[in-house]
């Protein structure tokens, strides 16, 4: 006995709706996809922050993640960068270690923030705030060595570097990044 036409049409519409919902992941989180970039969403000082993230191998067992606000390489306006250094590939919860922002080699499990306002101005540098009252941790939810997909969460508090030489600073002295989620594919060779 053949299906009535309305049941067949109803099934087609249902499948089309499910298909369109599955294709909306990037639209749902509101982050434009930049080639070779992942997604990063957080609350930064209680405001929604969407950014693009990239990742490279620090060595065989750890990964560096760089987060940059969408509209990368803007020449005017404010741009923030977040660097998270030498994350392990093994799932787990890891405390971040405070370092100075200029430890560019990236001490394992360290993080820092750099901000720039305008064209040719020097930005403000922020170091991880060392305190027992602040949660400074990264959670690696999953890492797939075949696809090189890294997924995780982050909570961290940063304070202005006392040597930051940005004249006429109007930036906050503290940046709190809360409830961050990220997903990125690691680029480059091991």
C-alpha atoms as a PDB file:
ATOM      1  CA  UNK A   1       0.000   0.000   0.000  1.00  0.00           C
ATOM      2  CA  UNK A   2       1.655   3.278  -1.111  1.00  0.00           C
ATOM      3  CA  UNK A   3       2.217   6.215   1.309  1.00  0.00           C
ATOM      4  CA  UNK A   4      -0.234   9.063   0.952  1.00  0.00           C
ATOM      5  CA  UNK A   5       1.414  12.093  -0.695  1.00  0.00           C
ATOM      6  CA  UNK A   6       1.122  14.318   2.400  1.00  0.00           C
ATOM      7  CA  UNK A   7       3.086  11.814   4.564  1.00  0.00           C
ATOM      8  CA  UNK A   8       5.831  11.612   1.935  1.00  0.00           C
ATOM      9  CA  UNK A   9       5.989  15.443   1.698  1.00  0.00           C
ATOM     10  CA  UNK A  10       6.003  15.732   5.513  1.00  0.00           C
ATOM     11  CA  UNK A  11       9.028  13.389   5.701  1.00  0.00           C
ATOM     12  CA  UNK A  12      10.889  15.374   3.044  1.00  0.00           C
ATOM     13  CA  UNK A  13      10.233  18.645   4.894  1.00  0.00           C
ATOM     14  CA  UNK A  14      11.382  17.109   8.184  1.00  0.00           C
ATOM     15  CA  UNK A  15      14.620  15.862   6.604  1.00  0.00           C
ATOM     16  CA  UNK A  16      15.223  19.278   5.003  1.00  0.00           C
ATOM     17  CA  UNK A  17      14.723  20.997   8.375  1.00  0.00           C
ATOM     18  CA  UNK A  18      17.135  18.635  10.134  1.00  0.00           C
ATOM     19  CA  UNK A  19      19.690  19.100   7.346  1.00  0.00           C
ATOM     20  CA  UNK A  20      19.536  22.881   7.561  1.00  0.00           C
ATOM     21  CA  UNK A  21      19.913  22.752  11.351  1.00  0.00           C
ATOM     22  CA  UNK A  22      23.014  20.569  11.065  1.00  0.00           C
ATOM     23  CA  UNK A  23      24.586  23.029   8.629  1.00  0.00           C
ATOM     24  CA  UNK A  24      24.090  26.032  10.939  1.00  0.00           C
ATOM     25  CA  UNK A  25      26.786  25.348  13.532  1.00  0.00           C
ATOM     26  CA  UNK A  26      28.933  28.371  12.630  1.00  0.00           C
ATOM     27  CA  UNK A  27      25.911  30.643  12.329  1.00  0.00           C
ATOM     28  CA  UNK A  28      24.672  29.489  15.718  1.00  0.00           C
ATOM     29  CA  UNK A  29      27.802  30.670  17.506  1.00  0.00           C
ATOM     30  CA  UNK A  30      28.086  33.839  15.438  1.00  0.00           C
ATOM     31  CA  UNK A  31      31.750  33.516  14.464  1.00  0.00           C
ATOM     32  CA  UNK A  32      32.650  33.991  10.815  1.00  0.00           C
ATOM     33  CA  UNK A  33      34.854  31.160   9.634  1.00  0.00           C
ATOM     34  CA  UNK A  34      38.290  32.400   8.635  1.00  0.00           C
ATOM     35  CA  UNK A  35      40.285  29.825   6.630  1.00  0.00           C
ATOM     36  CA  UNK A  36      42.388  27.549   8.879  1.00  0.00           C
ATOM     37  CA  UNK A  37      40.842  29.088  12.005  1.00  0.00           C
ATOM     38  CA  UNK A  38      38.749  27.579  14.734  1.00  0.00           C
ATOM     39  CA  UNK A  39      36.143  29.076  17.018  1.00  0.00           C
ATOM     40  CA  UNK A  40      36.491  30.673  20.439  1.00  0.00           C
ATOM     41  CA  UNK A  41      33.595  32.072  22.489  1.00  0.00           C
ATOM     42  CA  UNK A  42      33.735  33.482  25.998  1.00  0.00           C
ATOM     43  CA  UNK A  43      32.582  36.144  28.375  1.00  0.00           C
ATOM     44  CA  UNK A  44      35.311  38.811  28.544  1.00  0.00           C
ATOM     45  CA  UNK A  45      34.614  41.127  31.483  1.00  0.00           C
ATOM     46  CA  UNK A  46      30.984  39.913  31.367  1.00  0.00           C
ATOM     47  CA  UNK A  47      30.600  40.772  27.643  1.00  0.00           C
ATOM     48  CA  UNK A  48      30.266  38.177  24.878  1.00  0.00           C
ATOM     49  CA  UNK A  49      33.537  37.705  23.006  1.00  0.00           C
ATOM     50  CA  UNK A  50      33.762  35.759  19.740  1.00  0.00           C
ATOM     51  CA  UNK A  51      37.155  35.235  18.188  1.00  0.00           C
ATOM     52  CA  UNK A  52      39.059  33.127  15.701  1.00  0.00           C
ATOM     53  CA  UNK A  53      41.637  30.697  17.027  1.00  0.00           C
ATOM     54  CA  UNK A  54      44.652  29.050  15.457  1.00  0.00           C
ATOM     55  CA  UNK A  55      46.863  26.325  16.860  1.00  0.00           C
ATOM     56  CA  UNK A  56      50.309  24.944  16.168  1.00  0.00           C
ATOM     57  CA  UNK A  57      52.373  22.191  17.755  1.00  0.00           C
ATOM     58  CA  UNK A  58      54.831  23.357  20.415  1.00  0.00           C
ATOM     59  CA  UNK A  59      56.278  19.838  20.441  1.00  0.00           C
ATOM     60  CA  UNK A  60      54.981  16.286  19.995  1.00  0.00           C
ATOM     61  CA  UNK A  61      52.828  16.387  23.146  1.00  0.00           C
ATOM     62  CA  UNK A  62      51.729  20.011  23.416  1.00  0.00           C
ATOM     63  CA  UNK A  63      49.938  22.679  21.419  1.00  0.00           C
ATOM     64  CA  UNK A  64      50.040  26.499  21.361  1.00  0.00           C
ATOM     65  CA  UNK A  65      46.703  28.267  20.769  1.00  0.00           C
ATOM     66  CA  UNK A  66      46.438  31.900  19.621  1.00  0.00           C
ATOM     67  CA  UNK A  67      43.050  33.606  19.831  1.00  0.00           C
ATOM     68  CA  UNK A  68      42.421  36.807  17.894  1.00  0.00           C
ATOM     69  CA  UNK A  69      39.256  38.832  17.637  1.00  0.00           C
ATOM     70  CA  UNK A  70      37.253  38.404  14.449  1.00  0.00           C
ATOM     71  CA  UNK A  71      38.143  40.855  11.720  1.00  0.00           C
ATOM     72  CA  UNK A  72      41.758  39.863  12.138  1.00  0.00           C
ATOM     73  CA  UNK A  73      44.580  42.207  11.283  1.00  0.00           C
ATOM     74  CA  UNK A  74      42.414  45.297  11.601  1.00  0.00           C
ATOM     75  CA  UNK A  75      44.391  48.523  11.383  1.00  0.00           C
ATOM     76  CA  UNK A  76      42.009  50.693  13.383  1.00  0.00           C
ATOM     77  CA  UNK A  77      40.029  50.049  16.518  1.00  0.00           C
ATOM     78  CA  UNK A  78      40.732  47.719  19.382  1.00  0.00           C
ATOM     79  CA  UNK A  79      42.131  44.215  18.867  1.00  0.00           C
ATOM     80  CA  UNK A  80      42.812  41.666  21.615  1.00  0.00           C
ATOM     81  CA  UNK A  81      45.023  38.598  21.349  1.00  0.00           C
ATOM     82  CA  UNK A  82      45.062  35.714  23.818  1.00  0.00           C
ATOM     83  CA  UNK A  83      47.957  33.261  23.827  1.00  0.00           C
ATOM     84  CA  UNK A  84      47.674  29.893  25.593  1.00  0.00           C
ATOM     85  CA  UNK A  85      50.990  28.052  25.588  1.00  0.00           C
ATOM     86  CA  UNK A  86      51.923  24.379  25.501  1.00  0.00           C
ATOM     87  CA  UNK A  87      48.567  22.775  26.177  1.00  0.00           C
ATOM     88  CA  UNK A  88      48.731  19.028  26.654  1.00  0.00           C
ATOM     89  CA  UNK A  89      46.949  16.820  24.139  1.00  0.00           C
ATOM     90  CA  UNK A  90      45.625  14.535  26.869  1.00  0.00           C
ATOM     91  CA  UNK A  91      42.069  15.349  28.090  1.00  0.00           C
ATOM     92  CA  UNK A  92      41.955  16.749  31.618  1.00  0.00           C
ATOM     93  CA  UNK A  93      41.827  19.894  33.745  1.00  0.00           C
ATOM     94  CA  UNK A  94      45.054  21.888  34.015  1.00  0.00           C
ATOM     95  CA  UNK A  95      45.915  24.957  36.113  1.00  0.00           C
ATOM     96  CA  UNK A  96      47.514  27.781  34.167  1.00  0.00           C
ATOM     97  CA  UNK A  97      50.849  29.156  35.359  1.00  0.00           C
ATOM     98  CA  UNK A  98      51.436  32.899  35.666  1.00  0.00           C
ATOM     99  CA  UNK A  99      54.267  34.280  33.532  1.00  0.00           C
ATOM    100  CA  UNK A 100      55.188  37.619  32.025  1.00  0.00           C
ATOM    101  CA  UNK A 101      53.691  38.276  28.593  1.00  0.00           C
ATOM    102  CA  UNK A 102      57.164  38.469  27.018  1.00  0.00           C
ATOM    103  CA  UNK A 103      58.007  34.840  27.764  1.00  0.00           C
ATOM    104  CA  UNK A 104      57.489  34.276  24.051  1.00  0.00           C
ATOM    105  CA  UNK A 105      58.856  30.742  24.135  1.00  0.00           C
ATOM    106  CA  UNK A 106      55.730  29.902  26.076  1.00  0.00           C
ATOM    107  CA  UNK A 107      56.167  28.305  29.451  1.00  0.00           C
ATOM    108  CA  UNK A 108      54.000  25.160  29.595  1.00  0.00           C
ATOM    109  CA  UNK A 109      50.391  25.902  30.574  1.00  0.00           C
ATOM    110  CA  UNK A 110      50.850  29.670  30.558  1.00  0.00           C
ATOM    111  CA  UNK A 111      48.692  32.410  29.057  1.00  0.00           C
ATOM    112  CA  UNK A 112      48.803  36.153  28.391  1.00  0.00           C
ATOM    113  CA  UNK A 113      46.728  38.868  26.638  1.00  0.00           C
ATOM    114  CA  UNK A 114      47.851  41.740  24.400  1.00  0.00           C
ATOM    115  CA  UNK A 115      45.578  44.583  23.298  1.00  0.00           C
ATOM    116  CA  UNK A 116      46.102  47.216  20.645  1.00  0.00           C
ATOM    117  CA  UNK A 117      44.033  50.322  19.977  1.00  0.00           C
ATOM    118  CA  UNK A 118      44.354  52.221  16.703  1.00  0.00           C
ATOM    119  CA  UNK A 119      46.924  52.075  13.918  1.00  0.00           C
ATOM    120  CA  UNK A 120      50.465  52.509  15.145  1.00  0.00           C
ATOM    121  CA  UNK A 121      49.996  52.582  18.884  1.00  0.00           C
ATOM    122  CA  UNK A 122      51.615  50.385  21.453  1.00  0.00           C
ATOM    123  CA  UNK A 123      49.151  48.106  23.133  1.00  0.00           C
ATOM    124  CA  UNK A 124      48.598  47.023  26.690  1.00  0.00           C
ATOM    125  CA  UNK A 125      50.004  43.752  27.934  1.00  0.00           C
ATOM    126  CA  UNK A 126      48.280  41.575  30.512  1.00  0.00           C
ATOM    127  CA  UNK A 127      49.789  38.790  32.613  1.00  0.00           C
ATOM    128  CA  UNK A 128      47.887  35.927  34.207  1.00  0.00           C
ATOM    129  CA  UNK A 129      46.800  36.926  37.702  1.00  0.00           C
ATOM    130  CA  UNK A 130      48.236  34.593  40.332  1.00  0.00           C
ATOM    131  CA  UNK A 131      45.615  34.170  43.049  1.00  0.00           C
ATOM    132  CA  UNK A 132      43.955  31.366  44.956  1.00  0.00           C
ATOM    133  CA  UNK A 133      40.618  33.174  44.626  1.00  0.00           C
ATOM    134  CA  UNK A 134      40.631  33.221  40.793  1.00  0.00           C
ATOM    135  CA  UNK A 135      40.055  30.193  38.578  1.00  0.00           C
ATOM    136  CA  UNK A 136      42.888  30.023  36.048  1.00  0.00           C
ATOM    137  CA  UNK A 137      42.511  26.747  34.244  1.00  0.00           C
ATOM    138  CA  UNK A 138      42.119  25.134  30.874  1.00  0.00           C
ATOM    139  CA  UNK A 139      40.122  21.976  30.316  1.00  0.00           C
ATOM    140  CA  UNK A 140      41.049  19.809  27.352  1.00  0.00           C
ATOM    141  CA  UNK A 141      37.822  18.015  26.457  1.00  0.00           C
ATOM    142  CA  UNK A 142      39.147  16.099  23.463  1.00  0.00           C
ATOM    143  CA  UNK A 143      42.036  15.850  21.051  1.00  0.00           C
ATOM    144  CA  UNK A 144      41.867  13.694  17.930  1.00  0.00           C
ATOM    145  CA  UNK A 145      45.401  12.999  16.619  1.00  0.00           C
ATOM    146  CA  UNK A 146      44.071  11.907  13.229  1.00  0.00           C
ATOM    147  CA  UNK A 147      42.018  15.034  12.493  1.00  0.00           C
ATOM    148  CA  UNK A 148      44.155  17.205  14.836  1.00  0.00           C
ATOM    149  CA  UNK A 149      40.931  18.653  16.305  1.00  0.00           C
ATOM    150  CA  UNK A 150      41.379  20.163  19.793  1.00  0.00           C
ATOM    151  CA  UNK A 151      38.376  21.105  21.945  1.00  0.00           C
ATOM    152  CA  UNK A 152      38.343  22.663  25.364  1.00  0.00           C
ATOM    153  CA  UNK A 153      37.252  25.261  27.917  1.00  0.00           C
ATOM    154  CA  UNK A 154      39.090  28.131  29.616  1.00  0.00           C
ATOM    155  CA  UNK A 155      38.677  30.394  32.638  1.00  0.00           C
ATOM    156  CA  UNK A 156      41.420  32.930  33.353  1.00  0.00           C
ATOM    157  CA  UNK A 157      42.026  36.348  34.909  1.00  0.00           C
ATOM    158  CA  UNK A 158      44.671  38.749  33.599  1.00  0.00           C
ATOM    159  CA  UNK A 159      46.033  41.990  35.076  1.00  0.00           C
ATOM    160  CA  UNK A 160      47.799  44.840  33.322  1.00  0.00           C
ATOM    161  CA  UNK A 161      51.575  44.436  33.130  1.00  0.00           C
ATOM    162  CA  UNK A 162      53.125  47.160  35.337  1.00  0.00           C
ATOM    163  CA  UNK A 163      55.694  47.813  32.578  1.00  0.00           C
ATOM    164  CA  UNK A 164      53.032  48.229  29.896  1.00  0.00           C
ATOM    165  CA  UNK A 165      53.863  51.553  28.290  1.00  0.00           C
ATOM    166  CA  UNK A 166      50.611  52.427  26.528  1.00  0.00           C
ATOM    167  CA  UNK A 167      50.191  56.210  26.857  1.00  0.00           C
ATOM    168  CA  UNK A 168      46.776  57.555  27.836  1.00  0.00           C
ATOM    169  CA  UNK A 169      45.512  54.133  28.819  1.00  0.00           C
ATOM    170  CA  UNK A 170      41.743  53.798  28.922  1.00  0.00           C
ATOM    171  CA  UNK A 171      41.718  50.027  29.182  1.00  0.00           C
ATOM    172  CA  UNK A 172      40.643  48.106  32.284  1.00  0.00           C
ATOM    173  CA  UNK A 173      43.351  46.950  34.650  1.00  0.00           C
ATOM    174  CA  UNK A 174      41.844  43.433  34.773  1.00  0.00           C
ATOM    175  CA  UNK A 175      40.500  41.149  32.038  1.00  0.00           C
ATOM    176  CA  UNK A 176      38.429  38.160  33.139  1.00  0.00           C
ATOM    177  CA  UNK A 177      37.736  35.479  30.552  1.00  0.00           C
ATOM    178  CA  UNK A 178      34.995  33.143  31.738  1.00  0.00           C
ATOM    179  CA  UNK A 179      33.182  30.124  30.345  1.00  0.00           C
ATOM    180  CA  UNK A 180      35.295  30.094  27.184  1.00  0.00           C
ATOM    181  CA  UNK A 181      34.824  27.237  24.739  1.00  0.00           C
ATOM    182  CA  UNK A 182      37.135  26.613  21.826  1.00  0.00           C
ATOM    183  CA  UNK A 183      37.495  24.236  18.929  1.00  0.00           C
ATOM    184  CA  UNK A 184      40.474  24.387  16.586  1.00  0.00           C
ATOM    185  CA  UNK A 185      42.435  22.209  14.167  1.00  0.00           C
ATOM    186  CA  UNK A 186      46.184  22.185  14.850  1.00  0.00           C
ATOM    187  CA  UNK A 187      48.214  23.350  11.822  1.00  0.00           C
ATOM    188  CA  UNK A 188      51.775  22.548  10.816  1.00  0.00           C
ATOM    189  CA  UNK A 189      54.132  19.686  11.397  1.00  0.00           C
ATOM    190  CA  UNK A 190      54.913  18.097  14.721  1.00  0.00           C
END
